[in-house]
Amino acid sequence: MSTAPQLVVHRDKELMAQAAAARLITRIVDAQSSRGEASIVLTGGRNGNGLLAALAAAPARDAIDWSRLDLWWGDERFLPKGDPDRNVTQAREALLDAVPLDPKRVHAMPASDGPHGTDVEAAAAAYAAELAAAAGPEDHGPVPSFDVLMLGVGPDTHVASLFPELPAVRETERTVVGVHGAPKPPPTRVTLTLPAIRAAREVWLLAAGEDKAEAAAIALSGAGEIQAPAAGAHGRTRTLWLLDAAAASQLPRELYPPATP
């Protein structure tokens, strides 16, 4: 069941990152209070990393029991371990190295110099197997019911490494696939598919900056998911678009929410 997206528009990207970080802390603490643990999917890019940096700086971060938090990734650049362009490398720098996570609960996607070598399809299959192993009988299919799955929105409406019209966005069965020929470098990537994304309880889409305004307007105006992958990203209980004023500037007025901080 898809949920109608909710929109929150902040004055600028710094405020958006701080508010999103505060929202995420609350969501993790709530999940840990009710179930004893929480499961989050991280996103890279400037907005994802900005949120992690804001989270690192937030005094309330200590409310989280970091040892009972599972971290997954929505996509990854298929590069060697430790490469500065890998999402996990950037996440470690922004936040992960500063908090007491359980290393076994940090589920990085395979690197190109890992056990599968340069076989991106084998790397994707291995991550799919790791997700399936973490899914329980109460989950909706072969992935855990993530509490929050975060996605940055690209200027071309891509989310994770699901680019318009490419094979990965058309995938309906597998939960993780390899991507070849991505229009944004590097061309080879590993990504969750739309079926895996839609297993999340909540999906949050992050967009800040004028270069994201057209993409947000297209994705929120009824575009098809093959042409606008962001339009196909929704959570089971909630779909939340977190925007700054610049990214919201082209939204139809009927979509624009009442004044928000």
C-alpha atoms as a PDB file:
ATOM      1  CA  MET A   1       0.000   0.000   0.000  1.00  0.00           C
ATOM      2  CA  SER A   2       1.483   3.329  -0.978  1.00  0.00           C
ATOM      3  CA  THR A   3       1.059   6.398   1.153  1.00  0.00           C
ATOM      4  CA  ALA A   4       0.413   9.911  -0.128  1.00  0.00           C
ATOM      5  CA  PRO A   5       3.602  11.888   0.333  1.00  0.00           C
ATOM      6  CA  GLN A   6       3.830  14.459   3.104  1.00  0.00           C
ATOM      7  CA  LEU A   7       5.958  17.535   2.483  1.00  0.00           C
ATOM      8  CA  VAL A   8       8.008  19.585   4.917  1.00  0.00           C
ATOM      9  CA  VAL A   9       9.771  22.665   3.557  1.00  0.00           C
ATOM     10  CA  HIS A  10      12.576  24.360   5.482  1.00  0.00           C
ATOM     11  CA  ARG A  11      14.086  27.772   4.876  1.00  0.00           C
ATOM     12  CA  ASP A  12      17.530  26.515   3.834  1.00  0.00           C
ATOM     13  CA  LYS A  13      19.556  23.331   3.579  1.00  0.00           C
ATOM     14  CA  GLU A  14      21.290  23.790   6.959  1.00  0.00           C
ATOM     15  CA  LEU A  15      17.960  24.050   8.767  1.00  0.00           C
ATOM     16  CA  MET A  16      16.657  21.108   6.756  1.00  0.00           C
ATOM     17  CA  ALA A  17      19.639  18.949   7.800  1.00  0.00           C
ATOM     18  CA  GLN A  18      19.272  19.876  11.466  1.00  0.00           C
ATOM     19  CA  ALA A  19      15.511  19.275  11.502  1.00  0.00           C
ATOM     20  CA  ALA A  20      15.871  15.972   9.642  1.00  0.00           C
ATOM     21  CA  ALA A  21      18.552  14.846  12.101  1.00  0.00           C
ATOM     22  CA  ALA A  22      16.279  15.693  15.053  1.00  0.00           C
ATOM     23  CA  ARG A  23      13.406  13.845  13.365  1.00  0.00           C
ATOM     24  CA  LEU A  24      15.627  10.809  12.787  1.00  0.00           C
ATOM     25  CA  ILE A  25      16.817  10.702  16.400  1.00  0.00           C
ATOM     26  CA  THR A  26      13.184  10.717  17.557  1.00  0.00           C
ATOM     27  CA  ARG A  27      12.237   7.970  15.122  1.00  0.00           C
ATOM     28  CA  ILE A  28      15.165   5.727  16.166  1.00  0.00           C
ATOM     29  CA  VAL A  29      14.492   6.245  19.883  1.00  0.00           C
ATOM     30  CA  ASP A  30      10.786   5.458  19.379  1.00  0.00           C
ATOM     31  CA  ALA A  31      11.603   2.249  17.489  1.00  0.00           C
ATOM     32  CA  GLN A  32      14.128   1.166  20.120  1.00  0.00           C
ATOM     33  CA  SER A  33      11.616   1.889  22.879  1.00  0.00           C
ATOM     34  CA  SER A  34       8.949  -0.256  21.251  1.00  0.00           C
ATOM     35  CA  ARG A  35      11.011  -3.077  19.736  1.00  0.00           C
ATOM     36  CA  GLY A  36      14.418  -2.862  21.411  1.00  0.00           C
ATOM     37  CA  GLU A  37      16.212  -2.066  18.161  1.00  0.00           C
ATOM     38  CA  ALA A  38      15.976   0.056  15.039  1.00  0.00           C
ATOM     39  CA  SER A  39      16.908  -0.350  11.390  1.00  0.00           C
ATOM     40  CA  ILE A  40      17.854   2.588   9.163  1.00  0.00           C
ATOM     41  CA  VAL A  41      18.915   2.860   5.515  1.00  0.00           C
ATOM     42  CA  LEU A  42      21.419   5.652   4.843  1.00  0.00           C
ATOM     43  CA  THR A  43      21.880   7.672   1.697  1.00  0.00           C
ATOM     44  CA  GLY A  44      24.997   9.379   0.383  1.00  0.00           C
ATOM     45  CA  GLY A  45      25.306  12.635  -1.495  1.00  0.00           C
ATOM     46  CA  ARG A  46      25.441  16.119  -0.078  1.00  0.00           C
ATOM     47  CA  ASN A  47      22.034  15.991   1.599  1.00  0.00           C
ATOM     48  CA  GLY A  48      22.554  12.551   3.138  1.00  0.00           C
ATOM     49  CA  ASN A  49      25.995  13.481   4.427  1.00  0.00           C
ATOM     50  CA  GLY A  50      24.713  16.855   5.618  1.00  0.00           C
ATOM     51  CA  LEU A  51      22.084  15.071   7.701  1.00  0.00           C
ATOM     52  CA  LEU A  52      24.710  12.732   9.198  1.00  0.00           C
ATOM     53  CA  ALA A  53      26.968  15.666  10.067  1.00  0.00           C
ATOM     54  CA  ALA A  54      24.017  17.432  11.729  1.00  0.00           C
ATOM     55  CA  LEU A  55      23.263  14.242  13.639  1.00  0.00           C
ATOM     56  CA  ALA A  56      26.880  14.041  14.807  1.00  0.00           C
ATOM     57  CA  ALA A  57      26.614  17.610  16.132  1.00  0.00           C
ATOM     58  CA  ALA A  58      23.224  17.126  17.834  1.00  0.00           C
ATOM     59  CA  PRO A  59      23.397  16.840  21.647  1.00  0.00           C
ATOM     60  CA  ALA A  60      20.319  14.557  21.513  1.00  0.00           C
ATOM     61  CA  ARG A  61      22.288  11.920  19.590  1.00  0.00           C
ATOM     62  CA  ASP A  62      23.160  10.323  22.937  1.00  0.00           C
ATOM     63  CA  ALA A  63      19.490   9.359  23.360  1.00  0.00           C
ATOM     64  CA  ILE A  64      20.111   6.654  20.739  1.00  0.00           C
ATOM     65  CA  ASP A  65      21.368   3.243  21.838  1.00  0.00           C
ATOM     66  CA  TRP A  66      23.898   2.965  19.029  1.00  0.00           C
ATOM     67  CA  SER A  67      24.670  -0.670  19.848  1.00  0.00           C
ATOM     68  CA  ARG A  68      21.083  -1.631  18.952  1.00  0.00           C
ATOM     69  CA  LEU A  69      20.948   0.116  15.592  1.00  0.00           C
ATOM     70  CA  ASP A  70      21.265  -1.636  12.224  1.00  0.00           C
ATOM     71  CA  LEU A  71      22.583   0.519   9.392  1.00  0.00           C
ATOM     72  CA  TRP A  72      22.084  -0.381   5.735  1.00  0.00           C
ATOM     73  CA  TRP A  73      22.710   1.544   2.518  1.00  0.00           C
ATOM     74  CA  GLY A  74      20.386   2.330  -0.347  1.00  0.00           C
ATOM     75  CA  ASP A  75      23.192   2.218  -2.885  1.00  0.00           C
ATOM     76  CA  GLU A  76      26.943   2.281  -3.202  1.00  0.00           C
ATOM     77  CA  ARG A  77      29.579   3.155  -5.733  1.00  0.00           C
ATOM     78  CA  PHE A  78      31.366  -0.051  -6.703  1.00  0.00           C
ATOM     79  CA  LEU A  79      34.861   1.118  -5.793  1.00  0.00           C
ATOM     80  CA  PRO A  80      37.653  -0.269  -3.569  1.00  0.00           C
ATOM     81  CA  LYS A  81      37.180  -0.313   0.203  1.00  0.00           C
ATOM     82  CA  GLY A  82      38.035   3.032   1.769  1.00  0.00           C
ATOM     83  CA  ASP A  83      37.682   4.957  -1.499  1.00  0.00           C
ATOM     84  CA  PRO A  84      36.708   8.541  -0.596  1.00  0.00           C
ATOM     85  CA  ASP A  85      33.830   8.428  -3.109  1.00  0.00           C
ATOM     86  CA  ARG A  86      32.144   5.457  -1.419  1.00  0.00           C
ATOM     87  CA  ASN A  87      29.023   6.346   0.568  1.00  0.00           C
ATOM     88  CA  VAL A  88      30.177   4.262   3.536  1.00  0.00           C
ATOM     89  CA  THR A  89      33.528   6.099   3.638  1.00  0.00           C
ATOM     90  CA  GLN A  90      31.765   9.456   3.683  1.00  0.00           C
ATOM     91  CA  ALA A  91      29.266   8.257   6.319  1.00  0.00           C
ATOM     92  CA  ARG A  92      32.091   7.081   8.586  1.00  0.00           C
ATOM     93  CA  GLU A  93      33.729  10.481   8.293  1.00  0.00           C
ATOM     94  CA  ALA A  94      30.484  12.398   8.915  1.00  0.00           C
ATOM     95  CA  LEU A  95      29.143  10.337  11.823  1.00  0.00           C
ATOM     96  CA  LEU A  96      29.783   6.620  12.160  1.00  0.00           C
ATOM     97  CA  ASP A  97      33.333   6.768  13.509  1.00  0.00           C
ATOM     98  CA  ALA A  98      32.160   9.115  16.289  1.00  0.00           C
ATOM     99  CA  VAL A  99      29.438   6.862  17.762  1.00  0.00           C
ATOM    100  CA  PRO A 100      29.597   3.441  19.497  1.00  0.00           C
ATOM    101  CA  LEU A 101      28.019   1.282  16.807  1.00  0.00           C
ATOM    102  CA  ASP A 102      28.158  -2.507  16.845  1.00  0.00           C
ATOM    103  CA  PRO A 103      30.399  -3.277  13.812  1.00  0.00           C
ATOM    104  CA  LYS A 104      28.297  -6.381  13.048  1.00  0.00           C
ATOM    105  CA  ARG A 105      25.277  -4.123  12.579  1.00  0.00           C
ATOM    106  CA  VAL A 106      26.931  -1.823  10.044  1.00  0.00           C
ATOM    107  CA  HIS A 107      25.975  -3.459   6.761  1.00  0.00           C
ATOM    108  CA  ALA A 108      28.171  -1.823   4.129  1.00  0.00           C
ATOM    109  CA  MET A 109      27.653  -2.855   0.527  1.00  0.00           C
ATOM    110  CA  PRO A 110      30.529  -4.874  -0.962  1.00  0.00           C
ATOM    111  CA  ALA A 111      33.540  -3.070  -2.401  1.00  0.00           C
ATOM    112  CA  SER A 112      35.135  -3.794  -5.776  1.00  0.00           C
ATOM    113  CA  ASP A 113      38.184  -5.306  -4.041  1.00  0.00           C
ATOM    114  CA  GLY A 114      36.053  -7.436  -1.710  1.00  0.00           C
ATOM    115  CA  PRO A 115      35.341 -11.187  -1.813  1.00  0.00           C
ATOM    116  CA  HIS A 116      33.412 -10.874  -5.093  1.00  0.00           C
ATOM    117  CA  GLY A 117      36.141  -8.946  -6.866  1.00  0.00           C
ATOM    118  CA  THR A 118      34.868  -6.804  -9.688  1.00  0.00           C
ATOM    119  CA  ASP A 119      31.729  -8.939 -10.224  1.00  0.00           C
ATOM    120  CA  VAL A 120      29.064  -6.372  -9.365  1.00  0.00           C
ATOM    121  CA  GLU A 121      26.224  -8.841  -9.881  1.00  0.00           C
ATOM    122  CA  ALA A 122      27.752 -11.225  -7.319  1.00  0.00           C
ATOM    123  CA  ALA A 123      28.221  -8.294  -4.923  1.00  0.00           C
ATOM    124  CA  ALA A 124      24.553  -7.329  -5.346  1.00  0.00           C
ATOM    125  CA  ALA A 125      23.425 -10.923  -4.790  1.00  0.00           C
ATOM    126  CA  ALA A 126      25.513 -11.112  -1.619  1.00  0.00           C
ATOM    127  CA  TYR A 127      23.897  -7.958  -0.233  1.00  0.00           C
ATOM    128  CA  ALA A 128      20.456  -9.297  -1.117  1.00  0.00           C
ATOM    129  CA  ALA A 129      21.306 -12.468   0.823  1.00  0.00           C
ATOM    130  CA  GLU A 130      22.440 -10.395   3.817  1.00  0.00           C
ATOM    131  CA  LEU A 131      19.145  -8.492   3.764  1.00  0.00           C
ATOM    132  CA  ALA A 132      17.154 -11.723   3.469  1.00  0.00           C
ATOM    133  CA  ALA A 133      19.009 -13.202   6.448  1.00  0.00           C
ATOM    134  CA  ALA A 134      18.060 -10.141   8.533  1.00  0.00           C
ATOM    135  CA  ALA A 135      14.369 -10.297   7.572  1.00  0.00           C
ATOM    136  CA  GLY A 136      11.993 -11.910  10.032  1.00  0.00           C
ATOM    137  CA  PRO A 137       8.648 -13.663   9.579  1.00  0.00           C
ATOM    138  CA  GLU A 138       6.857 -10.406  10.371  1.00  0.00           C
ATOM    139  CA  ASP A 139       8.610  -8.591   7.523  1.00  0.00           C
ATOM    140  CA  HIS A 140       7.146  -7.981   4.101  1.00  0.00           C
ATOM    141  CA  GLY A 141       9.359 -10.140   1.934  1.00  0.00           C
ATOM    142  CA  PRO A 142      13.106 -10.765   1.772  1.00  0.00           C
ATOM    143  CA  VAL A 143      14.226  -7.524   3.422  1.00  0.00           C
ATOM    144  CA  PRO A 144      13.806  -6.169   6.963  1.00  0.00           C
ATOM    145  CA  SER A 145      11.029  -3.636   7.579  1.00  0.00           C
ATOM    146  CA  PHE A 146      13.380  -0.670   7.823  1.00  0.00           C
ATOM    147  CA  ASP A 147      12.176   1.989  10.267  1.00  0.00           C
ATOM    148  CA  VAL A 148      13.412   4.785   8.017  1.00  0.00           C
ATOM    149  CA  LEU A 149      14.901   4.537   4.542  1.00  0.00           C
ATOM    150  CA  MET A 150      16.458   7.802   3.376  1.00  0.00           C
ATOM    151  CA  LEU A 151      17.015   8.756  -0.238  1.00  0.00           C
ATOM    152  CA  GLY A 152      18.622  11.762  -1.843  1.00  0.00           C
ATOM    153  CA  VAL A 153      16.854  12.969  -4.989  1.00  0.00           C
ATOM    154  CA  GLY A 154      19.047  13.683  -7.990  1.00  0.00           C
ATOM    155  CA  PRO A 155      18.451  16.533 -10.473  1.00  0.00           C
ATOM    156  CA  ASP A 156      17.344  13.833 -12.959  1.00  0.00           C
ATOM    157  CA  THR A 157      14.893  12.384 -10.355  1.00  0.00           C
ATOM    158  CA  HIS A 158      17.145   9.380  -9.601  1.00  0.00           C
ATOM    159  CA  VAL A 159      17.064   7.864  -6.113  1.00  0.00           C
ATOM    160  CA  ALA A 160      19.662   5.410  -4.775  1.00  0.00           C
ATOM    161  CA  SER A 161      21.274   4.298  -8.072  1.00  0.00           C
ATOM    162  CA  LEU A 162      17.942   3.914  -9.853  1.00  0.00           C
ATOM    163  CA  PHE A 163      18.275   6.176 -12.872  1.00  0.00           C
ATOM    164  CA  PRO A 164      15.457   7.053 -15.289  1.00  0.00           C
ATOM    165  CA  GLU A 165      14.789   4.380 -17.929  1.00  0.00           C
ATOM    166  CA  LEU A 166      17.741   2.154 -16.929  1.00  0.00           C
ATOM    167  CA  PRO A 167      17.138  -1.559 -16.215  1.00  0.00           C
ATOM    168  CA  ALA A 168      17.503  -1.277 -12.421  1.00  0.00           C
ATOM    169  CA  VAL A 169      14.405   0.917 -12.039  1.00  0.00           C
ATOM    170  CA  ARG A 170      12.351  -1.685 -13.924  1.00  0.00           C
ATOM    171  CA  GLU A 171      13.329  -4.528 -11.573  1.00  0.00           C
ATOM    172  CA  THR A 172      10.286  -6.050  -9.865  1.00  0.00           C
ATOM    173  CA  GLU A 173      11.686  -9.245  -8.287  1.00  0.00           C
ATOM    174  CA  ARG A 174      15.223  -8.797  -6.951  1.00  0.00           C
ATOM    175  CA  THR A 175      15.904  -6.554  -3.966  1.00  0.00           C
ATOM    176  CA  VAL A 176      19.474  -5.559  -4.919  1.00  0.00           C
ATOM    177  CA  VAL A 177      21.007  -5.265  -8.383  1.00  0.00           C
ATOM    178  CA  GLY A 178      24.235  -4.201 -10.012  1.00  0.00           C
ATOM    179  CA  VAL A 179      24.138  -1.060 -12.134  1.00  0.00           C
ATOM    180  CA  HIS A 180      26.211  -0.662 -15.299  1.00  0.00           C
ATOM    181  CA  GLY A 181      26.571   2.549 -17.248  1.00  0.00           C
ATOM    182  CA  ALA A 182      25.151   4.929 -14.648  1.00  0.00           C
ATOM    183  CA  PRO A 183      24.979   8.394 -16.227  1.00  0.00           C
ATOM    184  CA  LYS A 184      26.715   9.816 -13.160  1.00  0.00           C
ATOM    185  CA  PRO A 185      30.240   8.558 -12.373  1.00  0.00           C
ATOM    186  CA  PRO A 186      31.288   6.043 -11.364  1.00  0.00           C
ATOM    187  CA  PRO A 187      29.264   4.001 -13.865  1.00  0.00           C
ATOM    188  CA  THR A 188      29.243   0.760 -11.847  1.00  0.00           C
ATOM    189  CA  ARG A 189      27.144   0.665  -8.675  1.00  0.00           C
ATOM    190  CA  VAL A 190      25.103  -1.530  -6.360  1.00  0.00           C
ATOM    191  CA  THR A 191      21.566  -0.422  -5.494  1.00  0.00           C
ATOM    192  CA  LEU A 192      18.410  -1.420  -3.704  1.00  0.00           C
ATOM    193  CA  THR A 193      15.457  -1.758  -6.066  1.00  0.00           C
ATOM    194  CA  LEU A 194      12.020  -0.212  -5.713  1.00  0.00           C
ATOM    195  CA  PRO A 195      10.564  -3.411  -4.170  1.00  0.00           C
ATOM    196  CA  ALA A 196      13.205  -3.270  -1.413  1.00  0.00           C
ATOM    197  CA  ILE A 197      12.678   0.465  -0.882  1.00  0.00           C
ATOM    198  CA  ARG A 198       8.916  -0.018  -0.551  1.00  0.00           C
ATOM    199  CA  ALA A 199       9.394  -2.550   2.256  1.00  0.00           C
ATOM    200  CA  ALA A 200      10.424   0.315   4.572  1.00  0.00           C
ATOM    201  CA  ARG A 201       7.971   1.594   7.145  1.00  0.00           C
ATOM    202  CA  GLU A 202       8.951   5.161   6.288  1.00  0.00           C
ATOM    203  CA  VAL A 203      10.717   6.516   3.215  1.00  0.00           C
ATOM    204  CA  TRP A 204      12.235   9.995   3.484  1.00  0.00           C
ATOM    205  CA  LEU A 205      13.287  11.811   0.327  1.00  0.00           C
ATOM    206  CA  LEU A 206      15.786  14.634   0.800  1.00  0.00           C
ATOM    207  CA  ALA A 207      16.113  17.467  -1.691  1.00  0.00           C
ATOM    208  CA  ALA A 208      17.875  20.792  -1.198  1.00  0.00           C
ATOM    209  CA  GLY A 209      19.040  23.382  -3.680  1.00  0.00           C
ATOM    210  CA  GLU A 210      17.691  24.956  -6.875  1.00  0.00           C
ATOM    211  CA  ASP A 211      19.151  22.122  -8.961  1.00  0.00           C
ATOM    212  CA  LYS A 212      16.630  19.747  -7.311  1.00  0.00           C
ATOM    213  CA  ALA A 213      13.542  21.935  -7.857  1.00  0.00           C
ATOM    214  CA  GLU A 214      12.519  20.533 -11.232  1.00  0.00           C
ATOM    215  CA  ALA A 215      13.090  16.939 -10.082  1.00  0.00           C
ATOM    216  CA  ALA A 216      10.913  17.438  -6.998  1.00  0.00           C
ATOM    217  CA  ALA A 217       8.140  19.018  -9.062  1.00  0.00           C
ATOM    218  CA  ILE A 218       8.204  16.190 -11.618  1.00  0.00           C
ATOM    219  CA  ALA A 219       8.283  13.402  -9.039  1.00  0.00           C
ATOM    220  CA  LEU A 220       5.457  14.918  -6.987  1.00  0.00           C
ATOM    221  CA  SER A 221       3.228  15.704  -9.963  1.00  0.00           C
ATOM    222  CA  GLY A 222       2.230  12.195 -10.943  1.00  0.00           C
ATOM    223  CA  ALA A 223       5.164  11.175 -13.158  1.00  0.00           C
ATOM    224  CA  GLY A 224       5.770   7.476 -13.779  1.00  0.00           C
ATOM    225  CA  GLU A 225       8.523   5.733 -11.809  1.00  0.00           C
ATOM    226  CA  ILE A 226      10.386   4.496 -14.911  1.00  0.00           C
ATOM    227  CA  GLN A 227      10.820   8.086 -16.114  1.00  0.00           C
ATOM    228  CA  ALA A 228      11.095   9.576 -12.601  1.00  0.00           C
ATOM    229  CA  PRO A 229      12.340   6.965 -10.105  1.00  0.00           C
ATOM    230  CA  ALA A 230      11.725   9.287  -7.129  1.00  0.00           C
ATOM    231  CA  ALA A 231       8.007   9.038  -7.916  1.00  0.00           C
ATOM    232  CA  GLY A 232       8.141   5.305  -7.175  1.00  0.00           C
ATOM    233  CA  ALA A 233       9.794   5.601  -3.764  1.00  0.00           C
ATOM    234  CA  HIS A 234       7.274   5.324  -0.965  1.00  0.00           C
ATOM    235  CA  GLY A 235       6.999   3.792   2.470  1.00  0.00           C
ATOM    236  CA  ARG A 236       4.402   1.402   3.849  1.00  0.00           C
ATOM    237  CA  THR A 237       3.209   3.794   6.552  1.00  0.00           C
ATOM    238  CA  ARG A 238       4.730   7.118   5.558  1.00  0.00           C
ATOM    239  CA  THR A 239       6.405   8.888   2.647  1.00  0.00           C
ATOM    240  CA  LEU A 240       8.067  12.129   3.653  1.00  0.00           C
ATOM    241  CA  TRP A 241       9.666  14.699   1.392  1.00  0.00           C
ATOM    242  CA  LEU A 242      12.096  16.953   3.270  1.00  0.00           C
ATOM    243  CA  LEU A 243      12.917  19.988   1.152  1.00  0.00           C
ATOM    244  CA  ASP A 244      14.480  23.384   1.452  1.00  0.00           C
ATOM    245  CA  ALA A 245      12.738  26.416  -0.041  1.00  0.00           C
ATOM    246  CA  ALA A 246      14.915  26.352  -3.163  1.00  0.00           C
ATOM    247  CA  ALA A 247      14.092  22.707  -3.937  1.00  0.00           C
ATOM    248  CA  ALA A 248      10.378  23.398  -3.333  1.00  0.00           C
ATOM    249  CA  SER A 249      10.315  26.486  -5.546  1.00  0.00           C
ATOM    250  CA  GLN A 250       8.727  24.781  -8.580  1.00  0.00           C
ATOM    251  CA  LEU A 251       6.110  22.728  -6.753  1.00  0.00           C
ATOM    252  CA  PRO A 252       2.493  23.275  -7.782  1.00  0.00           C
ATOM    253  CA  ARG A 253       0.841  25.504  -5.187  1.00  0.00           C
ATOM    254  CA  GLU A 254      -1.668  22.833  -4.212  1.00  0.00           C
ATOM    255  CA  LEU A 255       1.223  20.576  -3.121  1.00  0.00           C
ATOM    256  CA  TYR A 256       3.015  23.231  -1.137  1.00  0.00           C
ATOM    257  CA  PRO A 257       2.390  22.681   2.563  1.00  0.00           C
ATOM    258  CA  PRO A 258       1.381  25.414   4.977  1.00  0.00           C
ATOM    259  CA  ALA A 259       4.295  27.480   6.257  1.00  0.00           C
ATOM    260  CA  THR A 260       6.781  25.219   7.988  1.00  0.00           C
ATOM    261  CA  PRO A 261       9.914  26.285   9.853  1.00  0.00           C
END
